[in-house]
Amino acid sequence: DEVSNHTYDKATLTWFEEIFEEYKN
């Protein structure tokens, strides 16, 4: 569960970063 949550958080962060980059541009 800990590992699963960590992976999910990382995936969410990556998605957020991609959306943020699109927003900046």
C-alpha atoms as a PDB file:
ATOM      1  CA  ASP A   1       0.000   0.000   0.000  1.00  0.00           C
ATOM      2  CA  GLU A   2       2.792   2.418   0.847  1.00  0.00           C
ATOM      3  CA  VAL A   3       4.559   1.672  -2.410  1.00  0.00           C
ATOM      4  CA  SER A   4       1.294   1.900  -4.339  1.00  0.00           C
ATOM      5  CA  ASN A   5       0.515   5.285  -2.844  1.00  0.00           C
ATOM      6  CA  HIS A   6       4.038   6.528  -3.568  1.00  0.00           C
ATOM      7  CA  THR A   7       3.760   5.439  -7.189  1.00  0.00           C
ATOM      8  CA  TYR A   8       0.370   7.109  -7.500  1.00  0.00           C
ATOM      9  CA  ASP A   9       1.684  10.343  -6.008  1.00  0.00           C
ATOM     10  CA  LYS A  10       4.637  10.337  -8.389  1.00  0.00           C
ATOM     11  CA  ALA A  11       2.366   9.714 -11.369  1.00  0.00           C
ATOM     12  CA  THR A  12       0.074  12.531 -10.269  1.00  0.00           C
ATOM     13  CA  LEU A  13       3.021  14.868  -9.818  1.00  0.00           C
ATOM     14  CA  THR A  14       4.345  14.062 -13.285  1.00  0.00           C
ATOM     15  CA  TRP A  15       0.912  14.715 -14.794  1.00  0.00           C
ATOM     16  CA  PHE A  16       0.653  17.992 -12.918  1.00  0.00           C
ATOM     17  CA  GLU A  17       4.091  19.090 -14.114  1.00  0.00           C
ATOM     18  CA  GLU A  18       3.147  18.338 -17.724  1.00  0.00           C
ATOM     19  CA  ILE A  19      -0.079  20.322 -17.434  1.00  0.00           C
ATOM     20  CA  PHE A  20       1.795  23.154 -15.728  1.00  0.00           C
ATOM     21  CA  GLU A  21       4.318  23.306 -18.561  1.00  0.00           C
ATOM     22  CA  GLU A  22       1.486  23.513 -21.090  1.00  0.00           C
ATOM     23  CA  TYR A  23      -0.110  26.293 -19.044  1.00  0.00           C
ATOM     24  CA  LYS A  24       3.108  28.305 -18.909  1.00  0.00           C
ATOM     25  CA  ASN A  25       3.596  28.036 -22.657  1.00  0.00           C
END
